[in-house]
Amino acid sequence: MLYSRPCEYALRALTYIAANKDSRLVRSQEIAESESLPAPYLSKLLQQLVRAGLLISVKGPKGGFKLARLPKEISLLEVVSSVDGDEGFTRCAVGLEECSDSSPCPIHDTWKPMRTEILDYMERMSLADLADAMERKKLLVGMDSE
């Protein structure tokens, strides 16, 4: 996969929050139960997303999390970069220290356009797009079980 397990959890949690149409605060326990994610780890990850400026956290009995911006304004690339960093998008695909157009690794010329296409896709794909896709998937799964 292109991103880590923590990043997968973050994407699932943020998509769950983005799908929350009434914009209420969502508790981490609710997300963990709904998405089958480990609650203690998820809580730490959600705090990381607050520090990255993707979420707002409200403490207290009626607290929880909400997106810091509209779902359509948060890109998949921003989430992945917040959790995994940018190094995966910039380092050499085969791990060479020096890899550039003038000093390419064996797969540089093949990998560079694919990496560019992936980055462009991740920049265009928003949390709103992910939430819409999940909603469509749930409808299709619901139709299959009838």
N, C-alpha and C. Protein backbone atom coordinates (compact mmCIF):
# COMPACT_ATOMS: atom_id res chain seq x y z
N MET A 1 0.84 -1.18 0.00
CA MET A 1 0.00 0.00 0.00
C MET A 1 0.88 1.24 0.00
N LEU A 2 0.34 2.33 -0.38
CA LEU A 2 1.10 3.58 -0.48
C LEU A 2 1.25 4.30 0.85
N TYR A 3 0.51 3.88 1.85
CA TYR A 3 0.60 4.55 3.13
C TYR A 3 0.51 3.53 4.26
N SER A 4 0.86 3.99 5.46
CA SER A 4 0.97 3.11 6.62
C SER A 4 -0.39 2.72 7.20
N ARG A 5 -0.38 1.78 8.11
CA ARG A 5 -1.59 1.38 8.82
C ARG A 5 -2.17 2.56 9.61
N PRO A 6 -1.33 3.34 10.34
CA PRO A 6 -1.89 4.51 11.03
C PRO A 6 -2.58 5.48 10.06
N CYS A 7 -2.02 5.64 8.88
CA CYS A 7 -2.63 6.52 7.89
C CYS A 7 -3.97 5.95 7.43
N GLU A 8 -4.04 4.65 7.26
CA GLU A 8 -5.31 4.00 6.91
C GLU A 8 -6.36 4.29 7.99
N TYR A 9 -5.96 4.14 9.25
CA TYR A 9 -6.88 4.42 10.35
C TYR A 9 -7.33 5.88 10.31
N ALA A 10 -6.40 6.79 10.07
CA ALA A 10 -6.73 8.21 10.01
C ALA A 10 -7.73 8.48 8.88
N LEU A 11 -7.50 7.89 7.73
CA LEU A 11 -8.41 8.09 6.60
C LEU A 11 -9.80 7.55 6.92
N ARG A 12 -9.85 6.39 7.55
CA ARG A 12 -11.15 5.82 7.92
C ARG A 12 -11.87 6.69 8.94
N ALA A 13 -11.13 7.18 9.93
CA ALA A 13 -11.73 8.04 10.96
C ALA A 13 -12.21 9.36 10.37
N LEU A 14 -11.38 9.99 9.57
CA LEU A 14 -11.76 11.27 8.97
C LEU A 14 -12.91 11.12 8.00
N THR A 15 -12.93 10.02 7.26
CA THR A 15 -14.05 9.76 6.35
C THR A 15 -15.34 9.57 7.14
N TYR A 16 -15.25 8.87 8.26
CA TYR A 16 -16.42 8.68 9.13
C TYR A 16 -16.94 10.03 9.61
N ILE A 17 -16.03 10.89 10.05
CA ILE A 17 -16.43 12.22 10.53
C ILE A 17 -17.00 13.04 9.37
N ALA A 18 -16.38 12.96 8.20
CA ALA A 18 -16.85 13.72 7.03
C ALA A 18 -18.25 13.27 6.61
N ALA A 19 -18.57 12.01 6.82
CA ALA A 19 -19.89 11.49 6.44
C ALA A 19 -20.98 11.93 7.42
N ASN A 20 -20.58 12.52 8.54
CA ASN A 20 -21.49 13.00 9.57
C ASN A 20 -22.17 14.27 9.06
N LYS A 21 -23.29 14.13 8.43
CA LYS A 21 -23.96 15.25 7.73
C LYS A 21 -24.47 16.34 8.66
N ASP A 22 -24.75 16.01 9.93
CA ASP A 22 -25.29 17.04 10.83
C ASP A 22 -24.19 17.81 11.57
N SER A 23 -22.93 17.53 11.25
CA SER A 23 -21.77 18.26 11.80
C SER A 23 -21.68 18.23 13.32
N ARG A 24 -22.24 17.21 13.94
CA ARG A 24 -22.13 17.10 15.39
C ARG A 24 -20.73 16.64 15.76
N LEU A 25 -20.36 16.81 17.01
CA LEU A 25 -19.09 16.30 17.49
C LEU A 25 -19.17 14.78 17.54
N VAL A 26 -18.11 14.13 17.12
CA VAL A 26 -18.08 12.67 17.09
C VAL A 26 -17.02 12.19 18.08
N ARG A 27 -17.43 11.31 18.97
CA ARG A 27 -16.51 10.78 19.98
C ARG A 27 -15.60 9.72 19.37
N SER A 28 -14.39 9.64 19.88
CA SER A 28 -13.43 8.67 19.35
C SER A 28 -13.93 7.24 19.54
N GLN A 29 -14.61 6.97 20.64
CA GLN A 29 -15.13 5.62 20.89
C GLN A 29 -16.15 5.23 19.82
N GLU A 30 -16.98 6.18 19.41
CA GLU A 30 -17.97 5.91 18.35
C GLU A 30 -17.26 5.53 17.04
N ILE A 31 -16.22 6.28 16.71
CA ILE A 31 -15.46 5.99 15.49
C ILE A 31 -14.81 4.61 15.59
N ALA A 32 -14.17 4.35 16.73
CA ALA A 32 -13.48 3.07 16.94
C ALA A 32 -14.44 1.90 16.78
N GLU A 33 -15.61 2.00 17.40
CA GLU A 33 -16.59 0.92 17.31
C GLU A 33 -17.13 0.76 15.90
N SER A 34 -17.49 1.85 15.27
CA SER A 34 -18.07 1.80 13.93
C SER A 34 -17.08 1.29 12.89
N GLU A 35 -15.81 1.69 13.03
CA GLU A 35 -14.80 1.34 12.04
C GLU A 35 -13.93 0.15 12.45
N SER A 36 -14.23 -0.44 13.60
CA SER A 36 -13.45 -1.57 14.14
C SER A 36 -11.96 -1.23 14.24
N LEU A 37 -11.69 -0.09 14.88
CA LEU A 37 -10.32 0.37 15.06
C LEU A 37 -9.96 0.29 16.54
N PRO A 38 -8.69 0.09 16.87
CA PRO A 38 -8.28 0.03 18.28
C PRO A 38 -8.43 1.40 18.94
N ALA A 39 -9.31 1.49 19.93
CA ALA A 39 -9.68 2.77 20.55
C ALA A 39 -8.50 3.54 21.14
N PRO A 40 -7.62 2.93 21.93
CA PRO A 40 -6.52 3.72 22.51
C PRO A 40 -5.60 4.31 21.43
N TYR A 41 -5.30 3.52 20.43
CA TYR A 41 -4.44 4.00 19.35
C TYR A 41 -5.14 5.10 18.55
N LEU A 42 -6.42 4.91 18.29
CA LEU A 42 -7.19 5.90 17.54
C LEU A 42 -7.20 7.24 18.27
N SER A 43 -7.35 7.23 19.58
CA SER A 43 -7.37 8.48 20.35
C SER A 43 -6.08 9.26 20.16
N LYS A 44 -4.95 8.57 20.19
CA LYS A 44 -3.66 9.23 19.97
C LYS A 44 -3.57 9.77 18.54
N LEU A 45 -4.04 9.00 17.60
CA LEU A 45 -4.00 9.41 16.20
C LEU A 45 -4.89 10.63 15.95
N LEU A 46 -6.06 10.66 16.58
CA LEU A 46 -6.94 11.81 16.43
C LEU A 46 -6.30 13.08 16.99
N GLN A 47 -5.57 12.95 18.09
CA GLN A 47 -4.86 14.10 18.65
C GLN A 47 -3.76 14.58 17.70
N GLN A 48 -3.12 13.64 17.01
CA GLN A 48 -2.11 14.01 16.01
C GLN A 48 -2.77 14.81 14.88
N LEU A 49 -3.97 14.42 14.50
CA LEU A 49 -4.70 15.13 13.44
C LEU A 49 -5.17 16.50 13.91
N VAL A 50 -5.43 16.65 15.20
CA VAL A 50 -5.75 17.97 15.76
C VAL A 50 -4.51 18.85 15.64
N ARG A 51 -3.35 18.33 16.05
CA ARG A 51 -2.11 19.11 15.97
C ARG A 51 -1.77 19.48 14.52
N ALA A 52 -2.17 18.64 13.57
CA ALA A 52 -1.91 18.91 12.15
C ALA A 52 -2.91 19.91 11.57
N GLY A 53 -3.94 20.27 12.35
CA GLY A 53 -4.92 21.25 11.90
C GLY A 53 -6.04 20.67 11.06
N LEU A 54 -6.20 19.35 11.08
CA LEU A 54 -7.28 18.72 10.30
C LEU A 54 -8.55 18.53 11.13
N LEU A 55 -8.40 18.43 12.44
CA LEU A 55 -9.54 18.23 13.34
C LEU A 55 -9.55 19.30 14.42
N ILE A 56 -10.74 19.49 14.98
CA ILE A 56 -10.93 20.30 16.17
C ILE A 56 -11.40 19.34 17.26
N SER A 57 -10.83 19.49 18.43
CA SER A 57 -11.18 18.64 19.57
C SER A 57 -11.87 19.48 20.63
N VAL A 58 -12.98 18.96 21.14
CA VAL A 58 -13.69 19.61 22.23
C VAL A 58 -13.72 18.62 23.39
N LYS A 59 -13.20 19.04 24.54
CA LYS A 59 -13.14 18.17 25.71
C LYS A 59 -14.45 18.21 26.48
N GLY A 60 -14.64 17.21 27.32
CA GLY A 60 -15.80 17.19 28.20
C GLY A 60 -16.81 16.14 27.82
N PRO A 61 -17.87 16.00 28.66
CA PRO A 61 -18.87 14.96 28.44
C PRO A 61 -19.60 15.07 27.10
N LYS A 62 -19.73 16.28 26.59
CA LYS A 62 -20.40 16.46 25.30
C LYS A 62 -19.38 16.76 24.20
N GLY A 63 -18.13 16.43 24.48
CA GLY A 63 -17.04 16.71 23.54
C GLY A 63 -16.91 15.67 22.45
N GLY A 64 -15.89 15.86 21.67
CA GLY A 64 -15.61 14.96 20.57
C GLY A 64 -14.76 15.67 19.53
N PHE A 65 -14.86 15.20 18.30
CA PHE A 65 -14.05 15.74 17.21
C PHE A 65 -14.93 16.16 16.05
N LYS A 66 -14.46 17.19 15.35
CA LYS A 66 -15.08 17.58 14.10
C LYS A 66 -13.97 18.08 13.18
N LEU A 67 -14.26 18.10 11.89
CA LEU A 67 -13.28 18.56 10.92
C LEU A 67 -13.00 20.05 11.13
N ALA A 68 -11.75 20.43 10.94
CA ALA A 68 -11.37 21.83 11.08
C ALA A 68 -11.81 22.66 9.87
N ARG A 69 -12.03 21.99 8.74
CA ARG A 69 -12.49 22.65 7.52
C ARG A 69 -13.54 21.76 6.88
N LEU A 70 -14.17 22.28 5.85
CA LEU A 70 -15.14 21.47 5.11
C LEU A 70 -14.46 20.24 4.52
N PRO A 71 -15.17 19.11 4.43
CA PRO A 71 -14.57 17.89 3.87
C PRO A 71 -14.00 18.08 2.46
N LYS A 72 -14.63 18.92 1.66
CA LYS A 72 -14.14 19.14 0.29
C LYS A 72 -12.85 19.93 0.26
N GLU A 73 -12.46 20.53 1.40
CA GLU A 73 -11.24 21.34 1.47
C GLU A 73 -10.04 20.57 2.03
N ILE A 74 -10.24 19.31 2.40
CA ILE A 74 -9.16 18.50 2.96
C ILE A 74 -8.85 17.38 1.98
N SER A 75 -7.64 17.40 1.44
CA SER A 75 -7.27 16.40 0.43
C SER A 75 -6.69 15.14 1.07
N LEU A 76 -6.79 14.07 0.34
CA LEU A 76 -6.18 12.81 0.73
C LEU A 76 -4.68 13.01 0.94
N LEU A 77 -4.05 13.78 0.08
CA LEU A 77 -2.61 14.04 0.20
C LEU A 77 -2.29 14.75 1.52
N GLU A 78 -3.13 15.68 1.93
CA GLU A 78 -2.90 16.39 3.19
C GLU A 78 -2.97 15.44 4.38
N VAL A 79 -3.91 14.51 4.34
CA VAL A 79 -4.04 13.53 5.43
C VAL A 79 -2.82 12.62 5.46
N VAL A 80 -2.46 12.08 4.30
CA VAL A 80 -1.32 11.16 4.23
C VAL A 80 -0.05 11.88 4.69
N SER A 81 0.16 13.09 4.25
CA SER A 81 1.35 13.86 4.64
C SER A 81 1.35 14.14 6.14
N SER A 82 0.18 14.39 6.72
CA SER A 82 0.08 14.68 8.15
C SER A 82 0.44 13.47 9.00
N VAL A 83 0.13 12.29 8.52
CA VAL A 83 0.38 11.08 9.30
C VAL A 83 1.72 10.44 8.94
N ASP A 84 1.99 10.29 7.65
CA ASP A 84 3.18 9.58 7.21
C ASP A 84 4.35 10.48 6.81
N GLY A 85 4.09 11.78 6.69
CA GLY A 85 5.14 12.69 6.23
C GLY A 85 5.22 12.68 4.71
N ASP A 86 6.14 13.46 4.19
CA ASP A 86 6.27 13.61 2.74
C ASP A 86 7.39 12.77 2.14
N GLU A 87 8.21 12.17 2.98
CA GLU A 87 9.38 11.46 2.48
C GLU A 87 9.04 10.36 1.47
N GLY A 88 7.95 9.68 1.68
CA GLY A 88 7.55 8.61 0.77
C GLY A 88 7.28 9.09 -0.65
N PHE A 89 7.01 10.38 -0.79
CA PHE A 89 6.74 10.94 -2.11
C PHE A 89 7.98 11.53 -2.77
N THR A 90 9.03 11.69 -1.98
CA THR A 90 10.21 12.37 -2.52
C THR A 90 11.44 11.48 -2.61
N ARG A 91 11.52 10.43 -1.82
CA ARG A 91 12.73 9.62 -1.84
C ARG A 91 12.75 8.69 -3.05
N CYS A 92 13.91 8.19 -3.33
CA CYS A 92 14.11 7.27 -4.45
C CYS A 92 13.32 5.97 -4.22
N ALA A 93 12.71 5.48 -5.27
CA ALA A 93 11.87 4.27 -5.17
C ALA A 93 12.67 3.03 -4.81
N VAL A 94 13.97 3.00 -5.11
CA VAL A 94 14.79 1.84 -4.75
C VAL A 94 15.74 2.15 -3.61
N GLY A 95 15.59 3.35 -3.01
CA GLY A 95 16.34 3.68 -1.81
C GLY A 95 17.72 4.28 -2.00
N LEU A 96 18.04 4.68 -3.23
CA LEU A 96 19.34 5.31 -3.44
C LEU A 96 19.36 6.71 -2.82
N GLU A 97 20.51 7.08 -2.30
CA GLU A 97 20.62 8.40 -1.69
C GLU A 97 20.57 9.51 -2.74
N GLU A 98 21.17 9.27 -3.87
CA GLU A 98 21.19 10.25 -4.96
C GLU A 98 20.39 9.71 -6.13
N CYS A 99 19.26 10.34 -6.41
CA CYS A 99 18.42 9.93 -7.53
C CYS A 99 17.75 11.19 -8.08
N SER A 100 18.00 11.48 -9.33
CA SER A 100 17.43 12.68 -9.95
C SER A 100 17.37 12.44 -11.46
N ASP A 101 16.84 13.41 -12.18
CA ASP A 101 16.79 13.29 -13.64
C ASP A 101 18.19 13.17 -14.23
N SER A 102 19.15 13.84 -13.60
CA SER A 102 20.52 13.79 -14.13
C SER A 102 21.31 12.58 -13.62
N SER A 103 20.87 12.00 -12.50
CA SER A 103 21.54 10.83 -11.94
C SER A 103 20.47 9.82 -11.48
N PRO A 104 19.76 9.22 -12.46
CA PRO A 104 18.60 8.38 -12.12
C PRO A 104 18.96 6.98 -11.63
N CYS A 105 18.07 6.44 -10.80
CA CYS A 105 18.16 5.04 -10.42
C CYS A 105 17.61 4.20 -11.57
N PRO A 106 17.68 2.87 -11.49
CA PRO A 106 17.22 2.03 -12.60
C PRO A 106 15.74 2.18 -12.96
N ILE A 107 14.88 2.60 -12.00
CA ILE A 107 13.45 2.72 -12.32
C ILE A 107 12.95 4.16 -12.30
N HIS A 108 13.86 5.11 -12.19
CA HIS A 108 13.51 6.53 -12.07
C HIS A 108 12.57 6.99 -13.20
N ASP A 109 12.93 6.68 -14.43
CA ASP A 109 12.15 7.17 -15.57
C ASP A 109 10.76 6.55 -15.63
N THR A 110 10.59 5.37 -15.07
CA THR A 110 9.27 4.73 -15.02
C THR A 110 8.47 5.23 -13.82
N TRP A 111 9.14 5.34 -12.67
CA TRP A 111 8.47 5.68 -11.43
C TRP A 111 8.05 7.15 -11.37
N LYS A 112 8.86 8.06 -11.88
CA LYS A 112 8.59 9.50 -11.76
C LYS A 112 7.20 9.89 -12.30
N PRO A 113 6.81 9.48 -13.51
CA PRO A 113 5.47 9.86 -13.98
C PRO A 113 4.35 9.19 -13.18
N MET A 114 4.58 7.96 -12.70
CA MET A 114 3.56 7.30 -11.88
C MET A 114 3.40 8.03 -10.55
N ARG A 115 4.52 8.41 -9.94
CA ARG A 115 4.47 9.14 -8.67
C ARG A 115 3.73 10.47 -8.86
N THR A 116 4.01 11.15 -9.95
CA THR A 116 3.34 12.42 -10.24
C THR A 116 1.84 12.21 -10.38
N GLU A 117 1.45 11.15 -11.07
CA GLU A 117 0.03 10.86 -11.25
C GLU A 117 -0.64 10.52 -9.92
N ILE A 118 0.03 9.76 -9.08
CA ILE A 118 -0.51 9.41 -7.76
C ILE A 118 -0.67 10.66 -6.91
N LEU A 119 0.36 11.51 -6.89
CA LEU A 119 0.28 12.75 -6.10
C LEU A 119 -0.84 13.66 -6.59
N ASP A 120 -0.99 13.77 -7.90
CA ASP A 120 -2.07 14.58 -8.46
C ASP A 120 -3.44 14.03 -8.05
N TYR A 121 -3.59 12.72 -8.12
CA TYR A 121 -4.85 12.08 -7.71
C TYR A 121 -5.15 12.36 -6.24
N MET A 122 -4.12 12.17 -5.39
CA MET A 122 -4.31 12.36 -3.95
C MET A 122 -4.61 13.82 -3.61
N GLU A 123 -4.09 14.74 -4.40
CA GLU A 123 -4.37 16.16 -4.19
C GLU A 123 -5.81 16.49 -4.59
N ARG A 124 -6.29 15.85 -5.66
CA ARG A 124 -7.66 16.10 -6.13
C ARG A 124 -8.72 15.42 -5.26
N MET A 125 -8.40 14.26 -4.69
CA MET A 125 -9.37 13.48 -3.91
C MET A 125 -9.52 14.11 -2.52
N SER A 126 -10.75 14.47 -2.17
CA SER A 126 -11.00 15.11 -0.87
C SER A 126 -11.71 14.14 0.08
N LEU A 127 -11.80 14.55 1.34
CA LEU A 127 -12.56 13.75 2.31
C LEU A 127 -14.02 13.66 1.90
N ALA A 128 -14.54 14.71 1.28
CA ALA A 128 -15.93 14.66 0.79
C ALA A 128 -16.06 13.57 -0.27
N ASP A 129 -15.08 13.45 -1.16
CA ASP A 129 -15.11 12.39 -2.18
C ASP A 129 -15.06 11.01 -1.54
N LEU A 130 -14.20 10.85 -0.53
CA LEU A 130 -14.11 9.56 0.16
C LEU A 130 -15.41 9.22 0.87
N ALA A 131 -16.01 10.22 1.55
CA ALA A 131 -17.27 9.99 2.27
C ALA A 131 -18.38 9.63 1.28
N ASP A 132 -18.43 10.30 0.14
CA ASP A 132 -19.44 9.98 -0.88
C ASP A 132 -19.25 8.57 -1.42
N ALA A 133 -18.00 8.19 -1.66
CA ALA A 133 -17.70 6.85 -2.16
C ALA A 133 -18.10 5.78 -1.14
N MET A 134 -17.85 6.06 0.15
CA MET A 134 -18.24 5.10 1.19
C MET A 134 -19.76 4.98 1.28
N GLU A 135 -20.45 6.08 1.12
CA GLU A 135 -21.92 6.05 1.15
C GLU A 135 -22.46 5.21 -0.01
N ARG A 136 -21.89 5.41 -1.19
CA ARG A 136 -22.31 4.60 -2.35
C ARG A 136 -22.02 3.12 -2.12
N LYS A 137 -20.87 2.83 -1.53
CA LYS A 137 -20.51 1.43 -1.26
C LYS A 137 -21.50 0.81 -0.27
N LYS A 138 -21.86 1.56 0.76
CA LYS A 138 -22.82 1.04 1.76
C LYS A 138 -24.17 0.76 1.10
N LEU A 139 -24.58 1.65 0.21
CA LEU A 139 -25.86 1.43 -0.51
C LEU A 139 -25.78 0.18 -1.38
N LEU A 140 -24.68 -0.01 -2.06
CA LEU A 140 -24.52 -1.19 -2.91
C LEU A 140 -24.49 -2.47 -2.09
N VAL A 141 -23.77 -2.44 -0.97
CA VAL A 141 -23.69 -3.61 -0.09
C VAL A 141 -25.07 -3.91 0.47
N GLY A 142 -25.80 -2.85 0.85
CA GLY A 142 -27.17 -3.02 1.37
C GLY A 142 -28.09 -3.64 0.33
N MET A 143 -27.89 -3.27 -0.93
CA MET A 143 -28.71 -3.83 -2.01
C MET A 143 -28.38 -5.29 -2.23
N ASP A 144 -27.07 -5.64 -2.07
CA ASP A 144 -26.66 -7.02 -2.28
C ASP A 144 -27.21 -7.96 -1.21
N SER A 145 -27.42 -7.44 0.01
CA SER A 145 -27.87 -8.31 1.10
C SER A 145 -29.38 -8.47 1.14
N GLU A 146 -30.08 -7.76 0.29
CA GLU A 146 -31.56 -7.87 0.27
C GLU A 146 -32.02 -9.02 -0.55
